[in-house]
Protein backbone atom coordinates (compact mmCIF):
# COMPACT_ATOMS: atom_id res chain seq x y z
CA MET A 1 -0.02 0.04 -0.04
CA THR A 2 1.27 3.50 -0.86
CA SER A 3 0.53 6.70 1.04
CA GLN A 4 -1.38 9.54 -0.59
CA HIS A 5 1.89 11.51 -0.72
CA GLU A 6 3.99 8.81 -2.42
CA PRO A 7 3.21 7.43 -5.88
CA ALA A 8 2.96 3.72 -6.57
CA ARG A 9 6.31 2.25 -7.39
CA THR A 10 6.95 0.52 -10.69
CA ALA A 11 9.82 -1.86 -11.51
CA PRO A 12 13.06 0.17 -11.55
CA THR A 13 14.78 0.75 -14.85
CA THR A 14 18.51 0.92 -15.41
CA ALA A 15 20.13 3.74 -17.39
CA ASP A 16 22.03 2.84 -20.45
CA ALA A 17 25.79 2.76 -19.70
CA ASP A 18 26.38 5.10 -22.67
CA ASP A 19 23.45 7.42 -21.85
CA TRP A 20 25.11 9.54 -19.13
CA ARG A 21 22.40 11.90 -17.72
CA SER A 22 22.96 15.60 -17.58
CA TYR A 23 22.96 17.52 -14.31
CA ASP A 24 19.50 18.94 -14.67
CA GLU A 25 18.00 15.55 -15.42
CA PHE A 26 19.22 13.88 -12.25
CA ALA A 27 18.68 17.03 -10.10
CA ALA A 28 14.92 17.38 -10.89
CA GLY A 29 13.01 16.72 -7.67
CA ILE A 30 16.10 16.07 -5.59
CA ASP A 31 14.84 18.60 -2.99
CA THR A 32 11.63 16.67 -2.25
CA TYR A 33 12.68 15.67 1.26
CA ARG A 34 14.68 18.79 1.98
CA LEU A 35 14.10 20.73 5.25
CA GLU A 36 11.92 23.80 4.96
CA ASN A 37 13.45 27.14 4.01
CA ALA A 38 13.97 29.77 6.79
CA ASP A 39 13.07 33.43 6.52
CA LEU A 40 16.00 35.53 7.61
CA SER A 41 14.50 38.85 6.58
CA GLY A 42 16.02 41.78 8.57
CA ALA A 43 18.99 39.72 9.85
CA ARG A 44 22.52 40.77 9.15
CA LEU A 45 25.67 38.63 9.16
CA GLU A 46 29.25 39.77 9.29
CA LEU A 47 32.03 37.22 8.95
CA THR A 48 35.74 37.42 9.40
CA LEU A 49 37.49 34.69 7.39
CA ASP A 50 40.73 32.96 8.38
CA ASP A 51 42.67 34.84 5.70
CA GLY A 52 41.47 38.19 7.14
CA SER A 53 38.74 38.77 4.51
CA THR A 54 35.35 40.01 5.58
CA LEU A 55 31.96 38.99 4.19
CA ARG A 56 28.79 40.97 5.05
CA VAL A 57 25.33 39.82 4.30
CA ALA A 58 21.97 41.68 4.84
CA PHE A 59 18.92 39.50 4.31
CA ASP A 60 15.93 41.04 2.56
CA GLY A 61 13.16 38.48 1.90
CA GLU A 62 14.27 36.13 -0.86
CA GLU A 63 17.27 38.17 -1.66
CA ALA A 64 20.46 39.33 0.17
CA VAL A 65 22.66 42.38 -0.25
CA TRP A 66 26.27 41.34 0.43
CA SER A 67 29.81 42.47 -0.07
CA ALA A 68 33.34 41.02 0.41
CA GLU A 69 36.63 42.60 1.19
CA GLY A 70 40.19 41.46 1.42
CA PRO A 71 41.69 38.29 -0.22
CA LEU A 72 38.24 36.77 -0.73
CA ALA A 73 37.22 39.71 -2.92
CA GLU A 74 40.61 39.98 -4.64
CA SER A 75 41.14 36.26 -5.49
CA GLY A 76 37.52 35.56 -6.34
CA GLY A 77 36.66 38.82 -7.97
CA LEU A 78 33.83 39.29 -5.52
CA GLY A 79 34.34 42.93 -4.62
CA GLY A 80 31.57 45.54 -4.47
CA GLU A 81 28.09 45.46 -3.08
CA LEU A 82 25.95 42.87 -4.84
CA ARG A 83 22.26 41.69 -4.62
CA ASP A 84 21.47 38.08 -5.24
CA PRO A 85 18.91 35.43 -4.35
CA VAL A 86 19.19 33.73 -1.02
CA ASP A 87 18.36 30.21 0.02
CA ALA A 88 18.43 29.58 3.84
CA VAL A 89 17.69 26.47 5.89
CA ARG A 90 17.87 26.16 9.66
CA VAL A 91 19.47 22.71 9.87
CA ARG A 92 19.56 22.82 13.65
CA ASP A 93 18.04 25.24 16.16
CA ASP A 94 21.28 27.24 16.14
CA VAL A 95 22.91 26.31 12.81
CA VAL A 96 21.90 27.97 9.55
CA PHE A 97 22.83 26.86 6.02
CA VAL A 98 22.82 29.85 3.57
CA ASN A 99 23.43 29.67 -0.17
CA LEU A 100 23.72 32.63 -2.49
CA PRO A 101 23.05 31.24 -6.05
CA LEU A 102 24.68 34.20 -7.75
CA VAL A 103 22.98 36.00 -10.63
CA SER A 104 25.39 38.98 -10.30
CA ARG A 105 28.13 36.67 -11.54
CA ALA A 106 27.62 33.73 -13.93
CA ARG A 107 28.44 30.16 -12.95
CA GLU A 108 29.23 30.92 -9.27
CA SER A 109 27.76 30.53 -5.79
CA VAL A 110 28.70 31.47 -2.20
CA THR A 111 27.65 29.18 0.65
CA VAL A 112 27.84 30.12 4.32
CA ILE A 113 27.18 27.81 7.34
CA TYR A 114 27.21 29.49 10.72
CA SER A 115 26.34 28.74 14.31
CA GLU A 116 24.46 31.24 16.50
CA THR A 117 25.87 29.42 19.57
CA THR A 118 29.54 28.93 18.87
CA HIS A 119 29.77 31.92 16.48
CA ARG A 120 31.79 29.72 14.19
CA ALA A 121 31.18 29.74 10.41
CA LEU A 122 32.60 28.34 7.17
CA VAL A 123 32.39 29.73 3.63
CA VAL A 124 32.55 27.90 0.25
CA HIS A 125 33.00 29.65 -3.13
CA SER A 126 31.96 27.34 -5.94
CA ARG A 127 32.50 28.28 -9.61
CA ILE A 128 32.43 26.65 -13.06
CA ALA A 129 35.36 27.40 -15.33
CA GLU A 130 34.88 28.87 -18.80
CA ARG A 131 36.09 25.71 -20.52
CA GLU A 132 37.12 22.14 -19.85
CA SER A 133 40.57 21.23 -18.65
CA ALA A 134 41.86 17.73 -19.42
CA GLY A 135 42.13 15.48 -16.38
CA ALA A 136 40.36 17.94 -13.98
CA PRO A 137 36.85 18.75 -13.06
CA ARG A 138 35.44 21.90 -14.69
CA VAL A 139 34.05 22.94 -11.26
CA GLY A 140 36.23 24.30 -8.46
CA GLN A 141 35.71 25.17 -4.85
CA THR A 142 37.59 27.24 -2.20
CA PHE A 143 36.97 26.89 1.53
CA TRP A 144 37.53 29.17 4.58
CA SER A 145 36.77 28.85 8.24
CA ALA A 146 35.31 32.05 9.76
CA VAL A 147 33.81 33.62 12.81
CA THR A 148 30.74 35.82 13.16
CA GLY A 149 30.64 39.19 14.82
CA ALA A 150 27.81 38.14 17.07
CA GLY A 151 29.92 36.98 20.05
CA ALA A 152 33.17 35.38 21.15
CA PRO A 153 33.82 32.12 19.24
CA THR A 154 33.86 28.86 21.25
CA GLY A 155 34.88 25.31 20.39
CA ASP A 156 37.07 24.18 17.51
CA ALA A 157 37.26 26.13 14.28
CA PRO A 158 35.78 24.26 11.32
CA GLY A 159 38.43 22.38 9.31
CA PRO A 160 39.34 19.44 7.12
CA SER A 161 38.37 16.09 8.68
CA ARG A 162 39.08 12.43 8.12
CA ASP A 163 36.13 11.34 10.28
CA LEU A 164 34.07 9.98 7.36
CA ILE A 165 36.75 7.82 5.83
CA GLY A 166 35.43 4.24 5.57
CA THR A 167 31.89 5.34 6.08
CA ARG A 168 29.07 4.05 3.80
CA ASN A 169 25.70 5.67 3.70
CA LEU A 170 22.50 5.78 1.61
CA TYR A 171 20.80 9.16 0.89
CA ARG A 172 17.15 9.25 0.14
CA TYR A 173 16.23 12.60 -1.48
CA SER A 174 12.83 11.75 -2.88
CA PRO A 175 10.72 8.67 -3.70
CA HIS A 176 12.73 8.49 -6.98
CA HIS A 177 16.24 9.49 -5.72
CA LEU A 178 18.36 7.03 -3.72
CA TYR A 179 22.11 7.16 -3.82
CA GLU A 180 24.95 5.39 -2.03
CA HIS A 181 28.14 7.11 -1.00
CA VAL A 182 31.43 5.50 0.19
CA TYR A 183 33.95 7.91 1.57
CA LEU A 184 37.26 6.48 0.38
CA SER A 185 39.85 9.04 1.50
CA SER A 186 40.36 12.66 2.43
CA GLN A 187 40.25 13.49 -1.35
CA ARG A 188 37.77 11.17 -3.04
CA TYR A 189 34.47 9.37 -2.57
CA ALA A 190 32.55 6.79 -4.65
CA TRP A 191 28.84 6.95 -5.54
CA GLN A 192 26.24 4.94 -7.23
CA CYS A 193 22.62 5.58 -8.01
CA ILE A 194 20.32 2.83 -6.56
CA GLU A 195 17.08 4.47 -7.69
CA GLY A 196 16.49 7.29 -10.16
CA VAL A 197 17.32 8.29 -13.76
CA GLN A 198 20.93 7.47 -13.08
CA ARG A 199 20.26 4.00 -11.77
CA GLY A 200 23.31 1.84 -12.56
CA HIS A 201 25.64 4.80 -13.03
CA GLY A 202 28.34 5.59 -10.61
CA ASP A 203 31.83 7.07 -10.33
CA THR A 204 34.68 8.13 -8.02
CA ASP A 205 35.00 11.90 -7.74
CA LEU A 206 36.96 14.55 -5.92
CA SER A 207 35.51 15.49 -2.50
CA THR A 208 36.14 17.62 0.52
CA VAL A 209 34.95 16.93 4.12
CA TRP A 210 35.14 19.46 6.95
CA ARG A 211 33.95 19.03 10.53
CA PHE A 212 31.71 21.88 11.54
CA ASP A 213 30.46 20.67 14.92
CA ASP A 214 29.59 17.41 16.66
CA ASP A 215 28.07 15.00 14.08
CA LEU A 216 27.85 17.95 11.63
CA TYR A 217 29.96 17.77 8.51
CA LEU A 218 30.41 19.76 5.34
CA PHE A 219 30.70 17.48 2.34
CA CYS A 220 31.43 18.79 -1.14
CA PHE A 221 32.14 16.99 -4.38
CA ARG A 222 33.39 18.01 -7.91
CA GLU A 223 32.54 15.57 -10.63
CA PHE A 224 34.93 14.64 -13.53
CA ARG A 225 32.38 13.35 -16.01
CA ILE A 226 29.91 16.25 -15.97
CA ALA A 227 30.30 19.83 -14.85
CA VAL A 228 28.62 19.77 -11.37
CA ALA A 229 29.68 20.80 -7.84
CA SER A 230 27.78 20.33 -4.62
CA VAL A 231 27.85 21.70 -1.09
CA TRP A 232 26.14 19.56 1.67
CA LEU A 233 25.78 19.74 5.36
CA HIS A 234 25.38 16.21 6.78
CA ASP A 235 23.78 16.01 10.25
CA LEU A 236 24.91 12.50 11.37
CA GLY A 237 23.36 12.98 14.80
CA SER A 238 19.91 11.82 15.76
CA ALA A 239 18.32 13.93 12.91
CA ARG A 240 20.23 12.05 10.16
CA ARG A 241 19.33 14.75 7.57
CA THR A 242 21.36 16.41 4.85
CA THR A 243 20.84 19.85 3.27
CA GLY A 244 22.64 20.91 0.14
CA VAL A 245 22.81 22.71 -3.20
CA PHE A 246 24.17 21.97 -6.66
CA LEU A 247 25.84 24.14 -9.24
CA GLY A 248 26.25 22.66 -12.71
CA ILE A 249 25.88 22.88 -16.48
CA THR A 250 22.60 21.66 -17.90
CA GLY A 251 22.08 19.54 -21.01
CA ALA A 252 21.40 22.79 -22.94
CA GLY A 253 24.75 24.27 -21.89
CA GLY A 254 23.67 26.83 -19.40
CA ALA A 255 24.57 27.11 -15.66
CA GLU A 256 21.89 26.24 -13.14
CA HIS A 257 21.58 26.26 -9.35
CA SER A 258 19.47 23.50 -7.61
CA ARG A 259 18.44 22.82 -4.04
CA ALA A 260 18.74 19.37 -2.54
CA GLY A 261 18.24 17.48 0.70
CA GLY A 262 16.92 14.35 2.33
CA HIS A 263 17.43 11.55 4.84
CA ILE A 264 20.67 9.74 5.68
CA ILE A 265 20.63 5.94 6.11
CA PRO A 266 23.88 4.57 7.58
CA LEU A 267 25.06 1.30 6.13
CA GLY A 268 28.24 0.81 8.18
CA ARG A 269 31.86 1.64 8.39
CA VAL A 270 35.18 -0.06 7.88
CA VAL A 271 38.34 0.71 9.87
CA TYR A 272 41.78 0.34 8.32
CA PRO A 273 43.99 -1.73 10.56
CA ASP A 274 47.41 -0.47 9.40
CA ALA A 275 48.23 1.78 6.45
CA GLN A 276 45.71 4.56 6.06
CA PRO A 277 44.26 6.28 2.90
CA VAL A 278 45.54 9.76 2.08
């Protein structure tokens, strides 16, 4: 029996090995089980990044006015005051996931995760290069730890983590999206589609994991085969929820931002007895 909210299931089909689906095809509906968006209207956020840069964000409904100064602005070309859409989710009572899917600049996004309790934050700048580069993903990402100006920071600063190495999870994003991840090392993860338009497809791609707080991890990947990058916040505590965004090139050749999210289903973990992955 199926619920009124979930369609009857049919026998799964397997994608043709030579029919690699485009980013917009697999991303359609991948936000079905995402947490609800939060309204941050009237709030202001001022961050100091670990390289001395500053990032200021003023939230105004579904948009934000923001500006960057210092190395962040210089290296990323993000200087000046800009207005862009904003996508915000309160992933925990005191932790907020904010994405700016930029329209002021093509093929770029800025993602901020911050805690109202520890006053710690992290910033991710995702971008798609103008053209392909042999042997490397077309998408790139830069990471910073940061602090908010709302109070004295406490606890450890966010930073690279090896905690997920050897972990194997399922991610259920919708009735039609089920993926498996295996975290292989500090640099790569493997995935396969169990259910969805990519069923039968899988790969090993570049990835980054940072620990943000207890059982709370930033996970980002950059695919080789298609131009797509993601930013996720995995809550591996009792909630077992993930909230994320994609930036990629569609089948028509344009850049597109997509929201994503869902439930985490742990499958287990292996522990290496001697030599360790990178």
